[in-house]
Every structure is written in C-alpha cells, then in structure tokens.
C-alpha atoms as a PDB file:
ATOM      1  CA  MET A   1     143.284  19.577-121.326  1.00  0.00           C
ATOM      2  CA  VAL A   2     140.225  20.625-123.274  1.00  0.00           C
ATOM      3  CA  LYS A   3     140.893  23.571-125.548  1.00  0.00           C
ATOM      4  CA  GLY A   4     139.003  26.850-125.088  1.00  0.00           C
ATOM      5  CA  ASP A   5     137.436  26.521-128.517  1.00  0.00           C
ATOM      6  CA  ASP A   6     135.951  23.144-127.558  1.00  0.00           C
ATOM      7  CA  ILE A   7     134.618  24.524-124.265  1.00  0.00           C
ATOM      8  CA  LEU A   8     133.095  27.584-125.917  1.00  0.00           C
ATOM      9  CA  SER A   9     131.601  25.603-128.806  1.00  0.00           C
ATOM     10  CA  LYS A  10     130.012  23.053-126.464  1.00  0.00           C
ATOM     11  CA  THR A  11     128.645  25.833-124.273  1.00  0.00           C
ATOM     12  CA  ILE A  12     127.111  27.700-127.213  1.00  0.00           C
ATOM     13  CA  TYR A  13     125.718  24.437-128.626  1.00  0.00           C
ATOM     14  CA  SER A  14     124.091  23.754-125.238  1.00  0.00           C
ATOM     15  CA  TYR A  15     122.572  27.227-125.359  1.00  0.00           C
ATOM     16  CA  ALA A  16     121.333  26.591-128.920  1.00  0.00           C
ATOM     17  CA  ASP A  17     119.664  23.350-127.794  1.00  0.00           C
ATOM     18  CA  SER A  18     117.762  25.164-125.037  1.00  0.00           C
ATOM     19  CA  LEU A  19     116.844  27.893-127.527  1.00  0.00           C
ATOM     20  CA  SER A  20     115.438  25.309-129.955  1.00  0.00           C
ATOM     21  CA  GLN A  21     112.830  24.290-127.374  1.00  0.00           C
ATOM     22  CA  LEU A  22     111.232  27.737-127.715  1.00  0.00           C
ATOM     23  CA  LEU A  23     111.098  27.802-131.527  1.00  0.00           C
ATOM     24  CA  PRO A  24     107.772  26.899-133.237  1.00  0.00           C
ATOM     25  CA  VAL A  25     107.887  23.576-135.081  1.00  0.00           C
ATOM     26  CA  GLY A  26     107.905  24.057-138.852  1.00  0.00           C
ATOM     27  CA  SER A  27     109.078  27.665-138.665  1.00  0.00           C
ATOM     28  CA  THR A  28     111.801  29.303-140.755  1.00  0.00           C
ATOM     29  CA  VAL A  29     114.392  30.824-138.406  1.00  0.00           C
ATOM     30  CA  PHE A  30     116.988  33.546-138.917  1.00  0.00           C
ATOM     31  CA  ILE A  31     119.684  34.002-136.232  1.00  0.00           C
ATOM     32  CA  ASN A  32     120.782  37.627-136.207  1.00  0.00           C
ATOM     33  CA  ASP A  33     124.147  38.852-134.918  1.00  0.00           C
ATOM     34  CA  HIS A  34     123.978  39.713-131.199  1.00  0.00           C
ATOM     35  CA  SER A  35     125.168  43.169-130.105  1.00  0.00           C
ATOM     36  CA  ASP A  36     127.429  43.974-127.166  1.00  0.00           C
ATOM     37  CA  PHE A  37     126.728  46.018-124.015  1.00  0.00           C
ATOM     38  CA  ASN A  38     127.226  49.292-125.914  1.00  0.00           C
ATOM     39  CA  GLY A  39     124.619  48.361-128.500  1.00  0.00           C
ATOM     40  CA  VAL A  40     127.189  47.724-131.234  1.00  0.00           C
ATOM     41  CA  THR A  41     127.277  44.443-133.111  1.00  0.00           C
ATOM     42  CA  SER A  42     130.479  42.809-131.904  1.00  0.00           C
ATOM     43  CA  TYR A  43     132.637  40.355-133.773  1.00  0.00           C
ATOM     44  CA  PHE A  44     132.147  37.893-130.962  1.00  0.00           C
ATOM     45  CA  GLY A  45     128.378  38.424-131.306  1.00  0.00           C
ATOM     46  CA  LYS A  46     128.652  37.366-134.948  1.00  0.00           C
ATOM     47  CA  TYR A  47     130.722  34.343-133.883  1.00  0.00           C
ATOM     48  CA  VAL A  48     128.015  33.267-131.420  1.00  0.00           C
ATOM     49  CA  ALA A  49     125.259  33.732-134.047  1.00  0.00           C
ATOM     50  CA  VAL A  50     127.161  31.548-136.518  1.00  0.00           C
ATOM     51  CA  LYS A  51     127.650  28.805-133.914  1.00  0.00           C
ATOM     52  CA  ILE A  52     123.946  28.868-132.971  1.00  0.00           C
ATOM     53  CA  SER A  53     122.930  28.714-136.654  1.00  0.00           C
ATOM     54  CA  ASN A  54     125.242  25.779-137.306  1.00  0.00           C
ATOM     55  CA  ARG A  55     123.810  23.894-134.339  1.00  0.00           C
ATOM     56  CA  LEU A  56     120.152  24.589-135.148  1.00  0.00           C
ATOM     57  CA  THR A  57     120.668  23.601-138.789  1.00  0.00           C
ATOM     58  CA  LYS A  58     120.922  19.980-137.633  1.00  0.00           C
ATOM     59  CA  ASN A  59     117.446  20.178-136.070  1.00  0.00           C
ATOM     60  CA  LYS A  60     114.799  18.893-138.495  1.00  0.00           C
ATOM     61  CA  ASN A  61     111.888  20.602-136.705  1.00  0.00           C
ATOM     62  CA  PHE A  62     112.500  23.907-138.464  1.00  0.00           C
ATOM     63  CA  THR A  63     114.497  25.533-141.269  1.00  0.00           C
ATOM     64  CA  VAL A  64     117.427  27.857-140.573  1.00  0.00           C
ATOM     65  CA  VAL A  65     118.025  30.693-143.053  1.00  0.00           C
ATOM     66  CA  ASP A  66     121.510  30.613-144.576  1.00  0.00           C
ATOM     67  CA  ARG A  67     123.434  33.562-143.124  1.00  0.00           C
ATOM     68  CA  ASN A  68     125.596  34.082-146.200  1.00  0.00           C
ATOM     69  CA  SER A  69     122.498  34.452-148.368  1.00  0.00           C
ATOM     70  CA  ILE A  70     120.818  37.016-146.106  1.00  0.00           C
ATOM     71  CA  GLU A  71     124.021  39.050-145.757  1.00  0.00           C
ATOM     72  CA  LEU A  72     124.199  39.244-149.557  1.00  0.00           C
ATOM     73  CA  ILE A  73     120.537  40.298-149.719  1.00  0.00           C
ATOM     74  CA  LEU A  74     121.093  43.005-147.109  1.00  0.00           C
ATOM     75  CA  LYS A  75     124.020  44.367-149.120  1.00  0.00           C
ATOM     76  CA  GLU A  76     122.010  44.342-152.356  1.00  0.00           C
ATOM     77  CA  GLN A  77     119.072  46.082-150.634  1.00  0.00           C
ATOM     78  CA  LYS A  78     121.508  48.520-148.991  1.00  0.00           C
ATOM     79  CA  PHE A  79     119.822  47.765-145.649  1.00  0.00           C
ATOM     80  CA  GLN A  80     121.568  49.502-142.794  1.00  0.00           C
ATOM     81  CA  TYR A  81     120.784  49.466-139.098  1.00  0.00           C
ATOM     82  CA  SER A  82     122.533  50.324-135.855  1.00  0.00           C
ATOM     83  CA  GLY A  83     123.807  47.653-133.534  1.00  0.00           C
ATOM     84  CA  VAL A  84     120.731  47.961-131.338  1.00  0.00           C
ATOM     85  CA  VAL A  85     118.045  45.782-132.955  1.00  0.00           C
ATOM     86  CA  ASP A  86     114.511  46.443-131.714  1.00  0.00           C
ATOM     87  CA  GLU A  87     111.288  44.626-132.607  1.00  0.00           C
ATOM     88  CA  LYS A  88     110.594  46.867-135.627  1.00  0.00           C
ATOM     89  CA  THR A  89     114.062  46.415-137.095  1.00  0.00           C
ATOM     90  CA  ALA A  90     113.934  42.683-136.389  1.00  0.00           C
ATOM     91  CA  VAL A  91     110.655  42.381-138.334  1.00  0.00           C
ATOM     92  CA  GLU A  92     112.241  44.123-141.344  1.00  0.00           C
ATOM     93  CA  LEU A  93     115.252  41.804-141.143  1.00  0.00           C
ATOM     94  CA  GLY A  94     113.008  38.757-140.873  1.00  0.00           C
ATOM     95  CA  LYS A  95     110.953  39.744-143.921  1.00  0.00           C
ATOM     96  CA  MET A  96     114.077  40.285-146.011  1.00  0.00           C
ATOM     97  CA  ALA A  97     115.401  36.917-144.862  1.00  0.00           C
ATOM     98  CA  GLY A  98     112.116  35.191-145.684  1.00  0.00           C
ATOM     99  CA  ALA A  99     111.907  34.006-142.071  1.00  0.00           C
ATOM    100  CA  SER A 100     108.838  33.499-139.915  1.00  0.00           C
ATOM    101  CA  VAL A 101     110.888  33.766-136.702  1.00  0.00           C
ATOM    102  CA  ILE A 102     113.996  35.837-135.930  1.00  0.00           C
ATOM    103  CA  VAL A 103     116.350  35.438-132.948  1.00  0.00           C
ATOM    104  CA  PHE A 104     118.265  38.530-131.798  1.00  0.00           C
ATOM    105  CA  GLY A 105     119.745  39.840-128.577  1.00  0.00           C
ATOM    106  CA  THR A 106     122.820  41.021-126.713  1.00  0.00           C
ATOM    107  CA  ILE A 107     126.115  39.688-125.398  1.00  0.00           C
ATOM    108  CA  THR A 108     127.565  41.272-122.258  1.00  0.00           C
ATOM    109  CA  GLU A 109     131.135  40.574-121.165  1.00  0.00           C
ATOM    110  CA  PHE A 110     131.793  40.685-117.414  1.00  0.00           C
ATOM    111  CA  THR A 111     134.955  40.010-115.425  1.00  0.00           C
ATOM    112  CA  ASN A 112     134.249  36.341-114.789  1.00  0.00           C
ATOM    113  CA  LYS A 113     131.561  35.500-117.320  1.00  0.00           C
ATOM    114  CA  VAL A 114     129.982  36.285-120.671  1.00  0.00           C
ATOM    115  CA  SER A 115     126.190  36.624-120.658  1.00  0.00           C
ATOM    116  CA  ILE A 116     124.044  35.880-123.731  1.00  0.00           C
ATOM    117  CA  ASP A 117     120.460  37.225-123.765  1.00  0.00           C
ATOM    118  CA  SER A 118     118.196  36.388-126.703  1.00  0.00           C
ATOM    119  CA  LYS A 119     114.681  37.234-127.849  1.00  0.00           C
ATOM    120  CA  ILE A 120     112.545  35.155-130.200  1.00  0.00           C
ATOM    121  CA  LEU A 121     110.210  37.289-132.316  1.00  0.00           C
ATOM    122  CA  SER A 122     107.368  36.326-134.676  1.00  0.00           C
ATOM    123  CA  VAL A 123     107.844  38.211-137.946  1.00  0.00           C
ATOM    124  CA  GLU A 124     104.124  37.991-138.751  1.00  0.00           C
ATOM    125  CA  THR A 125     102.813  39.425-135.461  1.00  0.00           C
ATOM    126  CA  ALA A 126     105.908  41.479-134.506  1.00  0.00           C
ATOM    127  CA  LYS A 127     105.545  40.074-130.996  1.00  0.00           C
ATOM    128  CA  VAL A 128     108.204  38.459-128.794  1.00  0.00           C
ATOM    129  CA  ILE A 129     107.207  34.818-128.318  1.00  0.00           C
ATOM    130  CA  GLY A 130     110.092  33.793-126.075  1.00  0.00           C
ATOM    131  CA  THR A 131     113.259  34.887-124.276  1.00  0.00           C
ATOM    132  CA  THR A 132     116.257  33.007-122.939  1.00  0.00           C
ATOM    133  CA  ASP A 133     119.670  33.754-121.469  1.00  0.00           C
ATOM    134  CA  TYR A 134     122.869  31.870-120.811  1.00  0.00           C
ATOM    135  CA  SER A 135     126.154  32.505-118.994  1.00  0.00           C
ATOM    136  CA  ILE A 136     129.563  31.279-120.099  1.00  0.00           C
ATOM    137  CA  ASN A 137     132.307  31.025-117.488  1.00  0.00           C
ATOM    138  CA  LYS A 138     135.145  33.269-118.574  1.00  0.00           C
ATOM    139  CA  THR A 139     138.119  30.961-118.094  1.00  0.00           C
ATOM    140  CA  LYS A 140     141.529  31.971-119.390  1.00  0.00           C
ATOM    141  CA  ASP A 141     141.152  29.697-122.404  1.00  0.00           C
ATOM    142  CA  VAL A 142     137.700  31.108-123.185  1.00  0.00           C
ATOM    143  CA  ALA A 143     138.919  34.697-122.670  1.00  0.00           C
ATOM    144  CA  ASP A 144     141.875  34.030-124.963  1.00  0.00           C
ATOM    145  CA  LEU A 145     139.543  32.573-127.562  1.00  0.00           C
ATOM    146  CA  ILE A 146     137.218  35.573-127.352  1.00  0.00           C
ATOM    147  CA  ALA A 147     140.203  37.870-127.814  1.00  0.00           C
ATOM    148  CA  THR A 148     141.405  35.756-130.733  1.00  0.00           C
ATOM    149  CA  VAL A 149     137.977  35.830-132.379  1.00  0.00           C
ATOM    150  CA  ILE A 150     137.760  39.593-132.003  1.00  0.00           C
ATOM    151  CA  SER A 151     141.337  40.160-133.173  1.00  0.00           C
ATOM    152  CA  SER A 152     140.841  37.888-136.169  1.00  0.00           C
ATOM    153  CA  SER A 153     137.570  39.573-137.044  1.00  0.00           C
ATOM    154  CA  GLU A 154     139.095  43.036-136.774  1.00  0.00           C
ATOM    155  CA  GLN A 155     141.896  42.040-139.112  1.00  0.00           C
ATOM    156  CA  GLN A 156     139.374  40.563-141.505  1.00  0.00           C
ATOM    157  CA  LYS A 157     137.341  43.750-141.314  1.00  0.00           C
ATOM    158  CA  LYS A 158     140.412  45.828-142.184  1.00  0.00           C
ATOM    159  CA  GLU A 159     141.157  43.599-145.146  1.00  0.00           C
ATOM    160  CA  LEU A 160     137.541  43.737-146.294  1.00  0.00           C
ATOM    161  CA  GLU A 161     137.475  47.511-145.903  1.00  0.00           C
ATOM    162  CA  ALA A 162     140.665  47.826-147.958  1.00  0.00           C
ATOM    163  CA  GLU A 163     139.149  45.612-150.627  1.00  0.00           C
ATOM    164  CA  ARG A 164     135.923  47.616-150.502  1.00  0.00           C
ATOM    165  CA  GLN A 165     137.812  50.873-150.998  1.00  0.00           C
ATOM    166  CA  LYS A 166     139.679  49.339-153.914  1.00  0.00           C
ATOM    167  CA  ILE A 167     136.415  48.241-155.499  1.00  0.00           C
ATOM    168  CA  LEU A 168     134.855  51.671-154.906  1.00  0.00           C
ATOM    169  CA  GLN A 169     137.829  53.360-156.569  1.00  0.00           C
ATOM    170  CA  GLN A 170     137.505  51.031-159.536  1.00  0.00           C
ATOM    171  CA  ILE A 171     133.769  51.730-159.724  1.00  0.00           C
ATOM    172  CA  ASP A 172     134.422  55.492-159.591  1.00  0.00           C
ATOM    173  CA  LEU A 173     137.004  55.202-162.370  1.00  0.00           C
ATOM    174  CA  GLU A 174     134.674  53.126-164.534  1.00  0.00           C
ATOM    175  CA  ARG A 175     131.838  55.571-163.851  1.00  0.00           C
ATOM    176  CA  GLU A 176     134.033  58.535-164.878  1.00  0.00           C
ATOM    177  CA  ASN A 177     135.143  56.781-168.063  1.00  0.00           C
ATOM    178  CA  LYS A 178     131.570  55.840-168.909  1.00  0.00           C
ATOM    179  CA  LEU A 179     130.377  59.393-168.254  1.00  0.00           C
ATOM    180  CA  ALA A 180     133.111  60.830-170.464  1.00  0.00           C
ATOM    181  CA  GLY A 181     132.167  58.418-173.239  1.00  0.00           C
ATOM    182  CA  LEU A 182     128.470  59.253-172.935  1.00  0.00           C
ATOM    183  CA  GLU A 183     129.148  62.996-172.954  1.00  0.00           C
ATOM    184  CA  LEU A 184     131.250  62.621-176.111  1.00  0.00           C
ATOM    185  CA  GLU A 185     128.509  60.560-177.745  1.00  0.00           C
ATOM    186  CA  GLU A 186     125.950  63.190-176.695  1.00  0.00           C
ATOM    187  CA  ARG A 187     127.957  65.980-178.362  1.00  0.00           C
ATOM    188  CA  GLN A 188     128.361  63.934-181.531  1.00  0.00           C
ATOM    189  CA  LEU A 189     124.643  63.143-181.671  1.00  0.00           C
ATOM    190  CA  LYS A 190     123.702  66.788-181.127  1.00  0.00           C
ATOM    191  CA  GLN A 191     125.966  67.832-184.002  1.00  0.00           C
ATOM    192  CA  LYS A 192     124.523  65.089-186.192  1.00  0.00           C
ATOM    193  CA  ILE A 193     120.990  66.292-185.440  1.00  0.00           C
ATOM    194  CA  ILE A 194     121.980  69.874-186.319  1.00  0.00           C
ATOM    195  CA  ASN A 195     123.435  68.680-189.634  1.00  0.00           C
ATOM    196  CA  LEU A 196     120.347  66.604-190.400  1.00  0.00           C
ATOM    197  CA  GLU A 197     118.023  69.505-189.640  1.00  0.00           C
ATOM    198  CA  ARG A 198     120.039  71.764-191.946  1.00  0.00           C
ATOM    199  CA  GLU A 199     120.027  69.118-194.656  1.00  0.00           C
ATOM    200  CA  TYR A 200     116.283  68.615-194.213  1.00  0.00           C
ATOM    201  CA  ARG A 201     115.580  72.319-194.661  1.00  0.00           C
ATOM    202  CA  GLU A 202     117.821  72.537-197.727  1.00  0.00           C
ATOM    203  CA  LYS A 203     116.278  69.486-199.333  1.00  0.00           C
ATOM    204  CA  SER A 204     112.593  70.023-198.568  1.00  0.00           C
ATOM    205  CA  VAL A 205     111.830  70.174-202.292  1.00  0.00           C
ATOM    206  CA  VAL A 206     113.859  67.027-202.887  1.00  0.00           C
ATOM    207  CA  LEU A 207     111.979  65.331-200.076  1.00  0.00           C
ATOM    208  CA  LYS A 208     108.657  66.143-201.723  1.00  0.00           C
ATOM    209  CA  GLU A 209     109.887  64.681-205.008  1.00  0.00           C
ATOM    210  CA  TYR A 210     111.191  61.682-203.108  1.00  0.00           C
ATOM    211  CA  LYS A 211     107.714  61.021-201.737  1.00  0.00           C
ATOM    212  CA  VAL A 212     106.217  61.240-205.243  1.00  0.00           C
ATOM    213  CA  GLN A 213     108.776  58.815-206.652  1.00  0.00           C
ATOM    214  CA  LYS A 214     108.337  56.511-203.697  1.00  0.00           C
ATOM    215  CA  GLU A 215     104.599  56.337-204.371  1.00  0.00           C
ATOM    216  CA  LYS A 216     105.313  55.540-208.032  1.00  0.00           C
ATOM    217  CA  LEU A 217     107.681  52.806-206.930  1.00  0.00           C
ATOM    218  CA  ARG A 218     105.009  51.387-204.646  1.00  0.00           C
ATOM    219  CA  LYS A 219     102.556  51.184-207.550  1.00  0.00           C
ATOM    220  CA  ILE A 220     105.155  49.569-209.814  1.00  0.00           C
ATOM    221  CA  GLU A 221     106.007  47.021-207.138  1.00  0.00           C
ATOM    222  CA  SER A 222     102.304  46.292-206.772  1.00  0.00           C
ATOM    223  CA  GLU A 223     102.010  45.674-210.524  1.00  0.00           C
ATOM    224  CA  ILE A 224     105.103  43.472-210.462  1.00  0.00           C
ATOM    225  CA  ASN A 225     103.604  41.412-207.645  1.00  0.00           C
ATOM    226  CA  LYS A 226     100.407  41.000-209.653  1.00  0.00           C
ATOM    227  CA  ILE A 227     102.409  39.820-212.661  1.00  0.00           C
ATOM    228  CA  HIS A 228     104.398  37.383-210.519  1.00  0.00           C
ATOM    229  CA  ASN A 229     101.171  36.029-209.076  1.00  0.00           C
ATOM    230  CA  GLU A 230      99.781  35.641-212.586  1.00  0.00           C
ATOM    231  CA  ILE A 231     102.964  33.864-213.667  1.00  0.00           C
ATOM    232  CA  ASP A 232     102.737  31.514-210.698  1.00  0.00           C
ATOM    233  CA  ARG A 233      99.118  30.706-211.524  1.00  0.00           C
ATOM    234  CA  ALA A 234     100.049  30.171-215.171  1.00  0.00           C
ATOM    235  CA  SER A 235     102.908  27.854-214.166  1.00  0.00           C
ATOM    236  CA  ASN A 236     100.490  25.715-212.181  1.00  0.00           C
ATOM    237  CA  LYS A 237      98.197  25.454-215.202  1.00  0.00           C
ATOM    238  CA  ILE A 238     101.078  24.788-217.637  1.00  0.00           C
ATOM    239  CA  SER A 239     102.071  21.751-215.553  1.00  0.00           C
ATOM    240  CA  LEU A 240      98.735  20.165-216.546  1.00  0.00           C
ATOM    241  CA  LEU A 241      99.444  20.398-220.295  1.00  0.00           C
ATOM    242  CA  LYS A 242     100.775  17.536-222.436  1.00  0.00           C
ATOM    243  CA  ILE A 243     102.237  17.379-225.938  1.00  0.00           C
ATOM    244  CA  GLY A 244      99.522  16.315-228.385  1.00  0.00           C
ATOM    245  CA  MET A 245      96.644  18.145-226.700  1.00  0.00           C
ATOM    246  CA  THR A 246      94.302  20.080-228.964  1.00  0.00           C
ATOM    247  CA  LYS A 247      94.096  23.835-228.760  1.00  0.00           C
ATOM    248  CA  ASP A 248      90.557  23.561-227.388  1.00  0.00           C
ATOM    249  CA  GLU A 249      91.801  21.299-224.578  1.00  0.00           C
ATOM    250  CA  VAL A 250      94.636  23.717-223.844  1.00  0.00           C
ATOM    251  CA  LEU A 251      92.296  26.715-223.790  1.00  0.00           C
ATOM    252  CA  GLU A 252      89.914  24.875-221.512  1.00  0.00           C
ATOM    253  CA  ILE A 253      92.756  24.423-218.980  1.00  0.00           C
ATOM    254  CA  LEU A 254      94.273  27.888-219.361  1.00  0.00           C
ATOM    255  CA  GLY A 255      91.071  29.878-219.655  1.00  0.00           C
ATOM    256  CA  LYS A 256      91.466  33.593-220.317  1.00  0.00           C
ATOM    257  CA  ARG A 257      95.191  33.575-219.531  1.00  0.00           C
ATOM    258  CA  ALA A 258      96.106  32.551-223.103  1.00  0.00           C
ATOM    259  CA  ARG A 259      96.861  35.279-225.659  1.00  0.00           C
ATOM    260  CA  GLN A 260      96.854  34.480-229.364  1.00  0.00           C
ATOM    261  CA  SER A 261     100.108  35.201-231.254  1.00  0.00           C
ATOM    262  CA  GLU A 262     100.122  37.534-234.224  1.00  0.00           C
ATOM    263  CA  SER A 263     103.138  35.744-235.739  1.00  0.00           C
ATOM    264  CA  PRO A 264     102.961  33.388-238.740  1.00  0.00           C
ATOM    265  CA  TYR A 265     103.138  30.479-236.283  1.00  0.00           C
ATOM    266  CA  ASP A 266     100.065  29.209-234.512  1.00  0.00           C
ATOM    267  CA  CYS A 267     101.069  30.150-230.953  1.00  0.00           C
ATOM    268  CA  LEU A 268      99.668  31.128-227.593  1.00  0.00           C
ATOM    269  CA  TYR A 269     101.347  33.316-224.953  1.00  0.00           C
ATOM    270  CA  VAL A 270     100.630  32.381-221.342  1.00  0.00           C
ATOM    271  CA  GLY A 271     102.544  34.511-218.821  1.00  0.00           C
ATOM    272  CA  LYS A 272     106.222  33.727-219.434  1.00  0.00           C
ATOM    273  CA  TYR A 273     105.385  30.656-221.562  1.00  0.00           C
ATOM    274  CA  ILE A 274     105.204  30.331-225.362  1.00  0.00           C
ATOM    275  CA  LEU A 275     103.030  27.444-226.675  1.00  0.00           C
ATOM    276  CA  VAL A 276     103.603  26.339-230.297  1.00  0.00           C
ATOM    277  CA  PHE A 277     100.898  24.430-232.207  1.00  0.00           C
ATOM    278  CA  LYS A 278     100.947  22.561-235.476  1.00  0.00           C
ATOM    279  CA  GLY A 279      97.496  23.089-236.749  1.00  0.00           C
ATOM    280  CA  ALA A 280      95.361  22.501-233.670  1.00  0.00           C
ATOM    281  CA  THR A 281      97.861  20.192-231.895  1.00  0.00           C
ATOM    282  CA  LEU A 282     100.253  21.332-229.155  1.00  0.00           C
ATOM    283  CA  MET A 283     103.818  20.544-230.230  1.00  0.00           C
ATOM    284  CA  LYS A 284     106.167  22.527-227.977  1.00  0.00           C
ATOM    285  CA  GLY A 285     106.427  24.930-225.056  1.00  0.00           C
ATOM    286  CA  CYS A 286     109.223  27.402-224.278  1.00  0.00           C
ATOM    287  CA  ILE A 287     109.967  29.864-221.505  1.00  0.00           C
ATOM    288  CA  MET A 288     110.829  33.362-222.660  1.00  0.00           C
ATOM    289  CA  GLY A 289     114.554  33.801-222.250  1.00  0.00           C
ATOM    290  CA  ASP A 290     115.411  30.112-222.720  1.00  0.00           C
ATOM    291  CA  SER A 291     118.754  29.593-224.465  1.00  0.00           C
ATOM    292  CA  THR A 292     118.880  27.548-227.638  1.00  0.00           C
ATOM    293  CA  ASN A 293     121.599  25.036-228.502  1.00  0.00           C
ATOM    294  CA  PRO A 294     124.953  26.668-227.660  1.00  0.00           C
ATOM    295  CA  ASP A 295     126.292  25.526-231.077  1.00  0.00           C
ATOM    296  CA  VAL A 296     123.965  28.027-232.732  1.00  0.00           C
ATOM    297  CA  SER A 297     125.803  31.324-232.989  1.00  0.00           C
ATOM    298  CA  TYR A 298     122.749  33.515-233.539  1.00  0.00           C
ATOM    299  CA  GLY A 299     119.209  33.814-232.258  1.00  0.00           C
ATOM    300  CA  ASN A 300     120.147  32.069-229.041  1.00  0.00           C
ATOM    301  CA  ILE A 301     117.265  33.445-226.949  1.00  0.00           C
ATOM    302  CA  ALA A 302     113.662  32.284-227.254  1.00  0.00           C
ATOM    303  CA  ASP A 303     111.605  35.460-227.010  1.00  0.00           C
ATOM    304  CA  ASP A 304     108.713  34.785-229.391  1.00  0.00           C
ATOM    305  CA  CYS A 305     106.938  32.013-231.273  1.00  0.00           C
ATOM    306  CA  SER A 306     109.377  32.098-234.178  1.00  0.00           C
ATOM    307  CA  SER A 307     112.500  31.644-232.060  1.00  0.00           C
ATOM    308  CA  CYS A 308     110.800  28.996-229.899  1.00  0.00           C
ATOM    309  CA  GLN A 309     109.865  27.027-233.023  1.00  0.00           C
ATOM    310  CA  ALA A 310     113.036  27.668-235.035  1.00  0.00           C
ATOM    311  CA  PHE A 311     115.721  26.934-232.445  1.00  0.00           C
ATOM    312  CA  ARG A 312     116.395  23.949-230.244  1.00  0.00           C
ATOM    313  CA  THR A 313     115.268  25.455-226.988  1.00  0.00           C
ATOM    314  CA  PRO A 314     114.216  23.053-224.199  1.00  0.00           C
ATOM    315  CA  ASN A 315     110.654  21.768-224.483  1.00  0.00           C
ATOM    316  CA  ARG A 316     108.894  22.685-221.241  1.00  0.00           C
ATOM    317  CA  ILE A 317     105.756  20.615-221.931  1.00  0.00           C
ATOM    318  CA  ARG A 318     105.719  16.982-220.822  1.00  0.00           C
ATOM    319  CA  PHE A 319     104.751  14.117-223.127  1.00  0.00           C
END
C-alpha cells in the first residue's frame, strides 16, 4: 500500500510540473504560502508551498528563491501581511525576495477533495500572467497526513512562540539593564560637567596664564627643533671630515657653522662637535658630553676644547 505522504507528494509534484509550464524561462520565482478558505495562511498551505518549491528547484529553466532566506528577510524588515495576498502585497513580497515572478493562491478543503488555486504574477508589471488549479482526492491516508501536518505545525508554532516570548523577555531585561546603566552614566557625566564648569570659573586667571606659558613652550620647542635640525646638518658635514685636513679645508666643508674657540687650544665648535687642531691641522673631534677613559677619576666629561684635548675621549673623526 502506498503511504499517504507518497500520494500527496506525487500529486503536489505533478501540480508543480504543470505550474512550471506557465513560468517565464530565465525568471526568478518565489513560491508564497497559500492561504485557506478563510483567507488565513494555513500550515498545510505552507507545506504545499515548500513541496512546490522543492520540485521547481530541480528545473533549470528558472531560479527558485530560497524560502528560508526570504522568511529571514521578512522578519528583519518586520514585514507583516494578512493571510489574503492580493496583487499589491504580492508585488511587495516579490521585490523583497528579489524575484521577477511570484506564485500565490489559496487552498480549499472540501469533504472529498482539497483544491489548490494559484496565480502567477509579474513583479515588474504587477499583472497576473497565468493561473492554474489542481484537485487532490481526499483519501483517508491523505486526510490523515493533512491532519498530521497541521497538528505538527501547530505544535511547532507553540514551541516557536514560547521561544519567541523567552527571547523577548531576555531582550526586555537587557534593554532595562542597558537603560539603567546609561541613566547612571548620564548622571555621572552631568555632575562631572558641573564640576568642570565650576573649576573653569574658579581658574579663569590660571587658564589665561596657562595659555601664555603654552605659547612660550611652543616658541621654545620651535627653537629646539631648529637646533636639532642644525645639529643634524652639522653631523652630515662632520662625516665628510678626516684627520689631517687643514683648517681651511674644514672651513670650506663646514661653512658658517663653525665657531672659533676662545680657549688656549686651536678649536672649532660645530653644533655638538668639538674639533681640535694642532696648528692648522685637524687632530681630533669630540662630541660634547663624551665620557673619557673610566680610569680617570676627574674631568670625565668632554665639554670644551681643553677637556676634549686633555682626556682620552673617543675620536669622532675618521682617518
């Protein structure tokens, strides 16, 4: 004996095959849930729509929109409509589904049969481009299956509704907690602003002095940057010097950067560098702040020509 599910599936598949003959080749099709005689989308109507979609998916002449995807989109867009789907509502559904054609209709249950009536609508023109209907003999097995489908769907709906209520309660709780946190933060920020305004008024004179000192700092930083730039330029020039060069050769490389020492030694100051000459010949170069030999217990910092010459600080000029 053939089971009712097999009979019903084969019957709906046969209906889907006849429906496919009316669909434009290359179109994108969305199969909407069919409503019952009272204009309410029935669970069995959803069952039929799923079966038709599954059957048409195997047809390569057109693309069938995934029902799970469109149901998610409808939930995200909060799209609601009554069970009765007219041409206007169908166009809106089709656009949301990204379909060029939408199939919708009704399912009517009689004593001895179940009648399926469908319309095929162009989303672009909002015009019905085809209609079809089909009757399913209501055998005991088929009737039992219909009852089972409806019963199962109702139970699923109850479970989904319970889950939905649970989620809504959780959302409400999270919203309340978030609101309480934001209100607390708002009060704290308001108090902080009040304190800052009071402090600003009390320290207006200090603020003025702050601006003056800040401007001085800006000028000092500008001078420091100039000095650093000068030092960098001097370092580039110093790298060109060699031990044994004459003072004239050194001055030709350094230009106006060199400053003659007033010490007994014949020296030049160039940025952070000290250049020591013997007569007119370059003998040594130190960096201000260089340490001398650690064995020497005094004068261990080269800060002028004398200390650069007298102590064993590193020679910064190449041979």
